[in-house]
Amino acid sequence: MSSPAYRVTITRVINSTANELYDACTDPTIVPRWLNARILEADVRVKGAYRVEVVEADGRVRTFAGRYLALDVGHRIALTFADVAAPPGLYSDEQLEIHLAPQGSLTKLTLTHSWNGAELSPEERNAREARWTASLERLSLAVELPSTLDS
């Protein structure tokens, strides 16, 4: 794969451990809670394939598929990423990468979606950032540790 020409990066600090976030991003029973997806296939191992159906805000269902490139428990997840219905050549070398960095009882999660091919218009870029931001908000709600209250 060639080095990506384009990327969208979203960073969020989440009240959860890196291992819990890793599990939430790789466990086929948890991923649907935050990705708004139905898991069709999930062979969670390096070179294993995955396939998901994602329900967009407008109700459209899109299918994405790829292979896991790296699975470093509690630190990094990398996978190829392709919209099955996208016209050939529109996007190539598309990848998702998630980095997890513990910060005390919190974890800094950085998601990078990168690709070659078509550049996004400002509106398309904003929409892509908004979709990933919403997904990470749902991820936070799915995994965040409860606050402790003083008695």
N, C-alpha and C. Protein backbone atom coordinates (compact mmCIF):
# COMPACT_ATOMS: atom_id res chain seq x y z
N MET A 1 0.84 -1.18 0.00
CA MET A 1 0.00 0.00 0.00
C MET A 1 0.88 1.24 0.00
N SER A 2 0.43 2.22 -0.75
CA SER A 2 1.19 3.46 -0.79
C SER A 2 0.78 4.36 0.37
N SER A 3 1.61 5.35 0.64
CA SER A 3 1.33 6.28 1.72
C SER A 3 0.07 7.08 1.37
N PRO A 4 -0.87 7.23 2.31
CA PRO A 4 -2.13 7.90 2.01
C PRO A 4 -1.96 9.40 1.76
N ALA A 5 -2.70 9.88 0.78
CA ALA A 5 -2.67 11.30 0.45
C ALA A 5 -3.61 12.11 1.35
N TYR A 6 -4.68 11.45 1.82
CA TYR A 6 -5.71 12.15 2.59
C TYR A 6 -5.97 11.42 3.90
N ARG A 7 -6.39 12.20 4.89
CA ARG A 7 -6.72 11.58 6.18
C ARG A 7 -7.64 12.48 6.98
N VAL A 8 -8.43 11.81 7.81
CA VAL A 8 -9.26 12.47 8.81
C VAL A 8 -8.84 11.86 10.14
N THR A 9 -8.51 12.71 11.11
CA THR A 9 -8.07 12.23 12.42
C THR A 9 -8.96 12.83 13.49
N ILE A 10 -9.45 11.97 14.38
CA ILE A 10 -10.29 12.40 15.50
C ILE A 10 -9.61 11.88 16.77
N THR A 11 -9.45 12.75 17.76
CA THR A 11 -8.85 12.36 19.03
C THR A 11 -9.85 12.63 20.14
N ARG A 12 -9.90 11.69 21.07
CA ARG A 12 -10.82 11.83 22.19
C ARG A 12 -10.19 11.19 23.42
N VAL A 13 -10.36 11.81 24.58
CA VAL A 13 -9.91 11.22 25.84
C VAL A 13 -11.15 10.60 26.49
N ILE A 14 -11.04 9.30 26.81
CA ILE A 14 -12.19 8.53 27.28
C ILE A 14 -11.90 7.97 28.68
N ASN A 15 -12.89 8.01 29.52
CA ASN A 15 -12.78 7.52 30.89
C ASN A 15 -12.93 5.99 30.89
N SER A 16 -11.87 5.33 30.44
CA SER A 16 -11.85 3.87 30.34
C SER A 16 -10.40 3.45 30.18
N THR A 17 -10.14 2.18 30.45
CA THR A 17 -8.77 1.69 30.25
C THR A 17 -8.52 1.41 28.78
N ALA A 18 -7.26 1.39 28.40
CA ALA A 18 -6.89 1.08 27.02
C ALA A 18 -7.34 -0.33 26.63
N ASN A 19 -7.22 -1.27 27.55
CA ASN A 19 -7.64 -2.65 27.25
C ASN A 19 -9.15 -2.74 27.04
N GLU A 20 -9.92 -2.01 27.84
CA GLU A 20 -11.38 -2.02 27.66
C GLU A 20 -11.76 -1.39 26.32
N LEU A 21 -11.08 -0.33 25.95
CA LEU A 21 -11.35 0.29 24.64
C LEU A 21 -10.94 -0.65 23.51
N TYR A 22 -9.81 -1.30 23.66
CA TYR A 22 -9.37 -2.27 22.64
C TYR A 22 -10.45 -3.34 22.47
N ASP A 23 -10.93 -3.88 23.59
CA ASP A 23 -11.98 -4.91 23.52
C ASP A 23 -13.23 -4.37 22.83
N ALA A 24 -13.62 -3.14 23.16
CA ALA A 24 -14.82 -2.56 22.56
C ALA A 24 -14.67 -2.35 21.05
N CYS A 25 -13.44 -2.21 20.59
CA CYS A 25 -13.19 -2.00 19.16
C CYS A 25 -12.95 -3.30 18.40
N THR A 26 -12.83 -4.41 19.11
CA THR A 26 -12.54 -5.67 18.43
C THR A 26 -13.55 -6.78 18.75
N ASP A 27 -14.36 -6.61 19.77
CA ASP A 27 -15.32 -7.65 20.16
C ASP A 27 -16.59 -7.50 19.32
N PRO A 28 -16.90 -8.50 18.48
CA PRO A 28 -18.07 -8.41 17.60
C PRO A 28 -19.40 -8.25 18.33
N THR A 29 -19.43 -8.51 19.63
CA THR A 29 -20.68 -8.30 20.37
C THR A 29 -20.80 -6.87 20.90
N ILE A 30 -19.68 -6.14 20.94
CA ILE A 30 -19.69 -4.76 21.45
C ILE A 30 -19.67 -3.73 20.31
N VAL A 31 -18.96 -4.01 19.23
CA VAL A 31 -18.82 -3.06 18.11
C VAL A 31 -20.17 -2.52 17.63
N PRO A 32 -21.21 -3.35 17.48
CA PRO A 32 -22.48 -2.80 16.98
C PRO A 32 -23.08 -1.70 17.86
N ARG A 33 -22.76 -1.71 19.17
CA ARG A 33 -23.31 -0.71 20.09
C ARG A 33 -22.84 0.70 19.76
N TRP A 34 -21.62 0.83 19.24
CA TRP A 34 -21.10 2.18 19.01
C TRP A 34 -20.90 2.50 17.54
N LEU A 35 -20.82 1.49 16.69
CA LEU A 35 -20.60 1.75 15.27
C LEU A 35 -21.91 1.83 14.50
N ASN A 36 -23.04 1.57 15.18
CA ASN A 36 -24.32 1.55 14.49
C ASN A 36 -24.27 0.55 13.34
N ALA A 37 -23.73 -0.62 13.63
CA ALA A 37 -23.47 -1.60 12.58
C ALA A 37 -24.00 -2.97 12.94
N ARG A 38 -24.20 -3.74 11.92
CA ARG A 38 -24.50 -5.16 12.08
C ARG A 38 -23.28 -5.91 11.57
N ILE A 39 -22.74 -6.78 12.41
CA ILE A 39 -21.55 -7.55 12.04
C ILE A 39 -21.96 -8.71 11.15
N LEU A 40 -21.40 -8.76 9.96
CA LEU A 40 -21.68 -9.86 9.05
C LEU A 40 -20.58 -10.92 9.13
N GLU A 41 -19.36 -10.44 9.41
CA GLU A 41 -18.20 -11.33 9.51
C GLU A 41 -17.17 -10.62 10.37
N ALA A 42 -16.48 -11.36 11.23
CA ALA A 42 -15.45 -10.77 12.07
C ALA A 42 -14.46 -11.85 12.49
N ASP A 43 -13.40 -11.97 11.73
CA ASP A 43 -12.31 -12.89 12.04
C ASP A 43 -11.19 -12.03 12.62
N VAL A 44 -11.28 -11.75 13.93
CA VAL A 44 -10.42 -10.76 14.59
C VAL A 44 -9.05 -11.37 14.87
N ARG A 45 -8.21 -11.32 13.85
CA ARG A 45 -6.81 -11.73 13.93
C ARG A 45 -6.11 -11.06 12.75
N VAL A 46 -4.82 -10.87 12.85
CA VAL A 46 -4.08 -10.24 11.75
C VAL A 46 -4.32 -11.05 10.48
N LYS A 47 -4.68 -10.36 9.42
CA LYS A 47 -5.06 -10.89 8.10
C LYS A 47 -6.47 -11.45 8.07
N GLY A 48 -7.17 -11.46 9.23
CA GLY A 48 -8.56 -11.91 9.26
C GLY A 48 -9.46 -10.87 8.62
N ALA A 49 -10.56 -11.34 8.05
CA ALA A 49 -11.50 -10.46 7.34
C ALA A 49 -12.64 -10.03 8.25
N TYR A 50 -13.19 -8.86 7.92
CA TYR A 50 -14.41 -8.40 8.59
C TYR A 50 -15.33 -7.82 7.52
N ARG A 51 -16.60 -7.77 7.85
CA ARG A 51 -17.61 -7.18 6.97
C ARG A 51 -18.73 -6.69 7.87
N VAL A 52 -19.11 -5.42 7.72
CA VAL A 52 -20.16 -4.83 8.54
C VAL A 52 -21.14 -4.06 7.68
N GLU A 53 -22.37 -3.99 8.15
CA GLU A 53 -23.38 -3.12 7.55
C GLU A 53 -23.60 -1.97 8.53
N VAL A 54 -23.46 -0.74 8.03
CA VAL A 54 -23.61 0.45 8.86
C VAL A 54 -24.88 1.18 8.44
N VAL A 55 -25.69 1.56 9.41
CA VAL A 55 -26.89 2.34 9.15
C VAL A 55 -26.53 3.81 9.28
N GLU A 56 -26.63 4.54 8.17
CA GLU A 56 -26.33 5.98 8.17
C GLU A 56 -27.48 6.76 8.81
N ALA A 57 -27.24 8.02 9.14
CA ALA A 57 -28.25 8.87 9.77
C ALA A 57 -29.50 9.00 8.89
N ASP A 58 -29.33 8.95 7.56
CA ASP A 58 -30.47 9.07 6.66
C ASP A 58 -31.18 7.74 6.41
N GLY A 59 -30.74 6.68 7.11
CA GLY A 59 -31.37 5.37 6.99
C GLY A 59 -30.75 4.46 5.96
N ARG A 60 -29.83 4.99 5.13
CA ARG A 60 -29.16 4.14 4.15
C ARG A 60 -28.31 3.11 4.86
N VAL A 61 -28.22 1.92 4.29
CA VAL A 61 -27.36 0.87 4.82
C VAL A 61 -26.18 0.72 3.87
N ARG A 62 -24.98 0.85 4.42
CA ARG A 62 -23.76 0.71 3.62
C ARG A 62 -22.94 -0.45 4.17
N THR A 63 -22.32 -1.19 3.26
CA THR A 63 -21.50 -2.33 3.66
C THR A 63 -20.03 -1.97 3.50
N PHE A 64 -19.26 -2.23 4.56
CA PHE A 64 -17.83 -1.99 4.56
C PHE A 64 -17.13 -3.31 4.85
N ALA A 65 -15.96 -3.49 4.26
CA ALA A 65 -15.22 -4.75 4.45
C ALA A 65 -13.73 -4.46 4.40
N GLY A 66 -12.97 -5.39 4.96
CA GLY A 66 -11.51 -5.26 4.92
C GLY A 66 -10.86 -6.37 5.71
N ARG A 67 -9.58 -6.13 6.02
CA ARG A 67 -8.79 -7.11 6.77
C ARG A 67 -8.04 -6.39 7.88
N TYR A 68 -7.84 -7.12 8.96
CA TYR A 68 -7.05 -6.58 10.07
C TYR A 68 -5.57 -6.62 9.70
N LEU A 69 -4.90 -5.49 9.89
CA LEU A 69 -3.47 -5.38 9.58
C LEU A 69 -2.61 -5.49 10.84
N ALA A 70 -3.11 -4.96 11.96
CA ALA A 70 -2.37 -4.99 13.22
C ALA A 70 -3.35 -5.03 14.37
N LEU A 71 -3.04 -5.85 15.36
CA LEU A 71 -3.84 -5.97 16.58
C LEU A 71 -2.88 -6.05 17.76
N ASP A 72 -2.59 -4.91 18.35
CA ASP A 72 -1.68 -4.82 19.49
C ASP A 72 -2.53 -4.47 20.71
N VAL A 73 -2.87 -5.50 21.49
CA VAL A 73 -3.83 -5.35 22.59
C VAL A 73 -3.50 -4.14 23.47
N GLY A 74 -4.52 -3.29 23.63
CA GLY A 74 -4.39 -2.11 24.49
C GLY A 74 -3.61 -0.96 23.89
N HIS A 75 -3.15 -1.11 22.63
CA HIS A 75 -2.32 -0.05 22.03
C HIS A 75 -2.75 0.38 20.63
N ARG A 76 -2.98 -0.59 19.73
CA ARG A 76 -3.18 -0.21 18.33
C ARG A 76 -4.01 -1.26 17.60
N ILE A 77 -4.89 -0.74 16.73
CA ILE A 77 -5.67 -1.57 15.82
C ILE A 77 -5.55 -0.91 14.45
N ALA A 78 -5.21 -1.69 13.44
CA ALA A 78 -5.15 -1.16 12.07
C ALA A 78 -5.86 -2.14 11.15
N LEU A 79 -6.62 -1.59 10.21
CA LEU A 79 -7.34 -2.44 9.27
C LEU A 79 -7.57 -1.72 7.96
N THR A 80 -7.68 -2.52 6.90
CA THR A 80 -8.08 -1.93 5.63
C THR A 80 -9.58 -1.66 5.74
N PHE A 81 -10.07 -0.76 4.89
CA PHE A 81 -11.44 -0.30 5.02
C PHE A 81 -11.94 0.06 3.63
N ALA A 82 -13.04 -0.54 3.21
CA ALA A 82 -13.56 -0.23 1.88
C ALA A 82 -15.08 -0.26 1.88
N ASP A 83 -15.67 0.75 1.25
CA ASP A 83 -17.11 0.77 1.01
C ASP A 83 -17.35 -0.16 -0.18
N VAL A 84 -18.05 -1.25 0.05
CA VAL A 84 -18.24 -2.28 -0.98
C VAL A 84 -18.90 -1.71 -2.22
N ALA A 85 -19.78 -0.70 -2.06
CA ALA A 85 -20.52 -0.14 -3.20
C ALA A 85 -19.82 1.03 -3.88
N ALA A 86 -18.67 1.45 -3.37
CA ALA A 86 -17.97 2.60 -3.97
C ALA A 86 -17.48 2.24 -5.37
N PRO A 87 -17.57 3.18 -6.30
CA PRO A 87 -17.06 2.91 -7.65
C PRO A 87 -15.58 2.55 -7.60
N PRO A 88 -15.14 1.57 -8.40
CA PRO A 88 -13.72 1.19 -8.41
C PRO A 88 -12.83 2.40 -8.68
N GLY A 89 -11.77 2.50 -7.89
CA GLY A 89 -10.80 3.58 -8.08
C GLY A 89 -11.14 4.89 -7.40
N LEU A 90 -12.35 5.02 -6.86
CA LEU A 90 -12.72 6.27 -6.19
C LEU A 90 -11.82 6.50 -4.99
N TYR A 91 -11.67 5.46 -4.16
CA TYR A 91 -10.77 5.49 -3.02
C TYR A 91 -9.92 4.24 -3.10
N SER A 92 -8.64 4.37 -2.74
CA SER A 92 -7.78 3.19 -2.70
C SER A 92 -6.92 3.25 -1.45
N ASP A 93 -6.37 2.11 -1.09
CA ASP A 93 -5.49 2.03 0.09
C ASP A 93 -6.15 2.63 1.32
N GLU A 94 -7.46 2.45 1.45
CA GLU A 94 -8.19 3.02 2.57
C GLU A 94 -7.90 2.22 3.83
N GLN A 95 -7.61 2.94 4.93
CA GLN A 95 -7.30 2.29 6.20
C GLN A 95 -7.91 3.04 7.37
N LEU A 96 -8.16 2.29 8.43
CA LEU A 96 -8.51 2.85 9.73
C LEU A 96 -7.42 2.44 10.69
N GLU A 97 -7.01 3.37 11.52
CA GLU A 97 -6.03 3.06 12.55
C GLU A 97 -6.49 3.70 13.84
N ILE A 98 -6.46 2.91 14.91
CA ILE A 98 -6.82 3.40 16.24
C ILE A 98 -5.61 3.22 17.14
N HIS A 99 -5.17 4.33 17.75
CA HIS A 99 -4.08 4.31 18.73
C HIS A 99 -4.67 4.59 20.09
N LEU A 100 -4.25 3.82 21.08
CA LEU A 100 -4.71 3.97 22.45
C LEU A 100 -3.52 4.31 23.33
N ALA A 101 -3.63 5.41 24.08
CA ALA A 101 -2.53 5.84 24.95
C ALA A 101 -3.08 6.10 26.35
N PRO A 102 -2.73 5.24 27.31
CA PRO A 102 -3.20 5.45 28.68
C PRO A 102 -2.72 6.79 29.23
N GLN A 103 -3.61 7.45 29.97
CA GLN A 103 -3.30 8.72 30.64
C GLN A 103 -3.92 8.64 32.03
N GLY A 104 -3.20 7.96 32.93
CA GLY A 104 -3.76 7.73 34.25
C GLY A 104 -4.94 6.78 34.14
N SER A 105 -6.10 7.19 34.69
CA SER A 105 -7.30 6.34 34.60
C SER A 105 -8.07 6.56 33.30
N LEU A 106 -7.57 7.45 32.47
CA LEU A 106 -8.19 7.75 31.18
C LEU A 106 -7.36 7.16 30.04
N THR A 107 -7.93 7.17 28.84
CA THR A 107 -7.19 6.73 27.66
C THR A 107 -7.43 7.71 26.52
N LYS A 108 -6.35 8.13 25.89
CA LYS A 108 -6.44 8.97 24.70
C LYS A 108 -6.58 8.04 23.50
N LEU A 109 -7.68 8.18 22.78
CA LEU A 109 -7.93 7.39 21.58
C LEU A 109 -7.79 8.30 20.37
N THR A 110 -6.96 7.89 19.42
CA THR A 110 -6.81 8.63 18.18
C THR A 110 -7.21 7.72 17.03
N LEU A 111 -8.25 8.11 16.30
CA LEU A 111 -8.72 7.37 15.14
C LEU A 111 -8.30 8.12 13.89
N THR A 112 -7.63 7.43 12.97
CA THR A 112 -7.24 8.03 11.70
C THR A 112 -7.83 7.20 10.57
N HIS A 113 -8.58 7.86 9.71
CA HIS A 113 -9.14 7.26 8.50
C HIS A 113 -8.36 7.87 7.34
N SER A 114 -7.61 7.04 6.61
CA SER A 114 -6.76 7.56 5.54
C SER A 114 -7.06 6.84 4.23
N TRP A 115 -6.73 7.50 3.12
CA TRP A 115 -7.00 6.94 1.80
C TRP A 115 -6.23 7.68 0.72
N ASN A 116 -6.17 7.06 -0.44
CA ASN A 116 -5.70 7.68 -1.68
C ASN A 116 -6.92 7.77 -2.60
N GLY A 117 -6.76 8.49 -3.69
CA GLY A 117 -7.87 8.61 -4.64
C GLY A 117 -8.51 9.97 -4.54
N ALA A 118 -9.83 9.98 -4.52
CA ALA A 118 -10.59 11.22 -4.55
C ALA A 118 -10.41 12.03 -3.28
N GLU A 119 -10.19 13.32 -3.45
CA GLU A 119 -10.15 14.23 -2.31
C GLU A 119 -11.59 14.59 -1.95
N LEU A 120 -11.86 14.73 -0.67
CA LEU A 120 -13.20 15.10 -0.23
C LEU A 120 -13.40 16.60 -0.35
N SER A 121 -14.62 16.99 -0.68
CA SER A 121 -14.97 18.41 -0.63
C SER A 121 -15.02 18.80 0.85
N PRO A 122 -14.99 20.09 1.15
CA PRO A 122 -15.10 20.49 2.56
C PRO A 122 -16.36 19.93 3.23
N GLU A 123 -17.47 19.88 2.50
CA GLU A 123 -18.72 19.35 3.07
C GLU A 123 -18.58 17.85 3.34
N GLU A 124 -17.97 17.10 2.40
CA GLU A 124 -17.78 15.67 2.58
C GLU A 124 -16.83 15.38 3.75
N ARG A 125 -15.76 16.19 3.85
CA ARG A 125 -14.82 16.02 4.95
C ARG A 125 -15.51 16.27 6.29
N ASN A 126 -16.31 17.34 6.36
CA ASN A 126 -17.05 17.64 7.60
C ASN A 126 -18.01 16.51 7.94
N ALA A 127 -18.67 15.95 6.94
CA ALA A 127 -19.61 14.85 7.18
C ALA A 127 -18.87 13.61 7.67
N ARG A 128 -17.72 13.31 7.08
CA ARG A 128 -16.94 12.14 7.52
C ARG A 128 -16.46 12.34 8.95
N GLU A 129 -15.96 13.54 9.26
CA GLU A 129 -15.52 13.83 10.63
C GLU A 129 -16.69 13.72 11.60
N ALA A 130 -17.86 14.21 11.21
CA ALA A 130 -19.03 14.15 12.07
C ALA A 130 -19.46 12.70 12.33
N ARG A 131 -19.39 11.85 11.31
CA ARG A 131 -19.76 10.44 11.50
C ARG A 131 -18.81 9.75 12.47
N TRP A 132 -17.48 9.99 12.30
CA TRP A 132 -16.53 9.35 13.22
C TRP A 132 -16.66 9.93 14.62
N THR A 133 -16.89 11.24 14.73
CA THR A 133 -17.07 11.86 16.04
C THR A 133 -18.29 11.26 16.76
N ALA A 134 -19.39 11.08 16.03
CA ALA A 134 -20.59 10.48 16.62
C ALA A 134 -20.31 9.04 17.05
N SER A 135 -19.57 8.31 16.23
CA SER A 135 -19.23 6.92 16.59
C SER A 135 -18.40 6.88 17.86
N LEU A 136 -17.43 7.78 17.98
CA LEU A 136 -16.59 7.80 19.18
C LEU A 136 -17.37 8.26 20.40
N GLU A 137 -18.37 9.11 20.20
CA GLU A 137 -19.24 9.50 21.32
C GLU A 137 -20.01 8.28 21.82
N ARG A 138 -20.54 7.48 20.89
CA ARG A 138 -21.26 6.25 21.28
C ARG A 138 -20.30 5.26 21.94
N LEU A 139 -19.06 5.19 21.44
CA LEU A 139 -18.06 4.31 22.05
C LEU A 139 -17.82 4.75 23.49
N SER A 140 -17.66 6.04 23.71
CA SER A 140 -17.46 6.56 25.07
C SER A 140 -18.60 6.15 25.99
N LEU A 141 -19.82 6.30 25.52
CA LEU A 141 -20.98 5.94 26.33
C LEU A 141 -21.02 4.44 26.62
N ALA A 142 -20.52 3.65 25.70
CA ALA A 142 -20.55 2.19 25.87
C ALA A 142 -19.51 1.70 26.88
N VAL A 143 -18.41 2.44 27.06
CA VAL A 143 -17.31 1.91 27.88
C VAL A 143 -16.92 2.75 29.08
N GLU A 144 -17.36 4.00 29.16
CA GLU A 144 -16.85 4.86 30.22
C GLU A 144 -17.12 4.31 31.60
N LEU A 145 -16.10 4.45 32.43
CA LEU A 145 -16.19 4.01 33.82
C LEU A 145 -17.13 4.95 34.58
N PRO A 146 -17.92 4.41 35.50
CA PRO A 146 -18.80 5.29 36.28
C PRO A 146 -17.99 6.21 37.17
N SER A 147 -18.50 7.39 37.38
CA SER A 147 -17.84 8.34 38.30
C SER A 147 -18.05 7.86 39.72
N THR A 148 -17.11 8.15 40.58
CA THR A 148 -17.29 7.81 42.00
C THR A 148 -17.75 9.07 42.71
N LEU A 149 -18.77 8.93 43.49
CA LEU A 149 -19.30 10.07 44.25
C LEU A 149 -18.90 9.94 45.71
N ASP A 150 -18.56 11.07 46.29
CA ASP A 150 -18.24 11.06 47.73
C ASP A 150 -19.51 10.80 48.52
N SER A 151 -19.42 9.99 49.54
CA SER A 151 -20.61 9.69 50.37
C SER A 151 -20.82 10.78 51.39
